Protein backbone atom coordinates (compact mmCIF):
# COMPACT_ATOMS: atom_id res chain seq x y z
CA MET A 1 147.60 30.66 46.68
CA SER A 2 150.44 31.29 44.25
CA ASP A 3 150.95 28.89 41.30
CA ASP A 4 154.63 29.19 42.09
CA PRO A 5 155.07 29.26 45.93
CA LYS A 6 158.46 30.19 47.24
CA TYR A 7 160.68 28.24 49.60
CA GLN A 8 163.79 28.66 51.75
CA ARG A 9 165.94 26.39 54.01
CA ASN A 10 164.50 25.81 57.32
CA ALA A 11 166.53 27.96 60.04
CA MET A 12 166.48 24.97 62.07
CA PHE A 13 168.79 23.23 59.74
CA ARG A 14 172.47 24.58 59.05
CA MET A 15 174.12 23.43 55.89
CA GLN A 16 177.86 23.08 55.76
CA PHE A 17 180.81 21.38 54.09
CA GLU A 18 182.06 18.61 56.36
CA LYS A 19 185.68 17.79 55.60
CA ALA A 20 185.64 14.52 57.74
CA GLN A 21 182.65 13.19 55.55
CA ASP A 22 183.88 14.94 52.51
CA CYS A 23 180.41 16.19 51.64
CA HIS A 24 178.01 18.80 52.44
CA VAL A 25 175.65 17.89 55.70
CA LEU A 26 172.67 19.41 57.20
CA LEU A 27 172.97 20.02 61.02
CA PHE A 28 170.18 20.03 63.26
CA PRO A 29 169.84 19.46 67.12
CA GLU A 30 169.09 15.84 66.98
CA GLY A 31 172.05 14.97 64.63
CA MET A 32 173.22 15.25 60.93
CA VAL A 33 172.28 14.35 57.43
CA LYS A 34 174.77 13.77 54.83
CA LEU A 35 173.91 15.30 51.49
CA SER A 36 174.71 14.03 47.95
CA GLU A 37 176.29 16.59 45.53
CA SER A 38 173.20 17.13 43.73
CA ALA A 39 171.12 17.57 46.99
CA ALA A 40 173.64 19.96 48.21
CA GLU A 41 173.53 21.88 44.95
CA ILE A 42 169.78 22.26 44.99
CA LEU A 43 169.42 23.33 48.70
CA THR A 44 172.07 25.63 48.30
CA GLN A 45 169.78 27.59 46.05
CA PHE A 46 167.23 27.99 48.81
CA ASP A 47 169.52 30.25 50.86
CA SER A 48 166.81 32.92 50.27
CA PRO A 49 163.12 32.59 49.08
CA ARG A 50 162.81 31.04 45.81
CA SER A 51 160.61 29.27 43.73
CA VAL A 52 161.10 25.96 42.29
CA LEU A 53 161.05 27.34 38.78
CA GLU A 54 163.60 29.97 39.69
CA VAL A 55 165.72 27.13 41.09
CA ILE A 56 165.38 25.06 38.06
CA ALA A 57 166.27 27.75 35.62
CA GLN A 58 169.30 28.76 37.79
CA LEU A 59 170.62 25.06 38.03
CA GLU A 60 170.01 24.34 34.25
CA GLU A 61 172.09 27.57 33.43
CA LYS A 62 174.77 26.30 35.57
CA PHE A 63 174.50 22.83 33.89
CA PRO A 64 173.33 23.44 30.27
CA GLY A 65 171.96 20.58 28.01
CA VAL A 66 170.61 18.84 31.35
CA ASP A 67 166.97 18.68 32.10
CA LEU A 68 166.75 18.95 35.72
CA ALA A 69 163.13 19.79 36.49
CA GLN A 70 161.91 16.10 37.47
CA ASP A 71 164.88 15.87 39.83
CA VAL A 72 164.49 19.18 41.29
CA ASN A 73 160.73 18.73 41.89
CA GLU A 74 161.23 15.25 43.50
CA PHE A 75 164.05 16.40 45.62
CA VAL A 76 162.02 19.71 46.66
CA GLU A 77 158.92 17.31 47.65
CA VAL A 78 161.31 15.05 49.89
CA ALA A 79 162.96 18.27 51.46
CA ARG A 80 159.44 19.74 52.47
CA ASP A 81 158.27 16.53 53.77
CA LYS A 82 161.51 16.40 55.94
CA LYS A 83 161.07 20.11 56.98
CA TRP A 84 164.39 21.08 55.26
CA LEU A 85 162.44 23.63 53.24
CA GLU A 86 159.52 25.68 54.29
CA ASN A 87 157.06 27.78 52.64
CA CYS A 88 157.63 31.63 52.51
């Protein structure tokens, strides 16, 4: 098993910006999940297979001076538990 596994968004969930909600949402057959701006920013990074370290590096480049590692790792753990992200 790799020390740096890759994940991507589960195809069962469609992410889109919902004007009526004024936020990004995840749509799935049973309903919808509203996403915070930071959650949407992280999930967007997983449109294709990427490691958590790659996502952290990309986001820290986009938001310089901010240590995002803990927040991204915590969110990825939740997203995996909820099946929003899957191993590649």
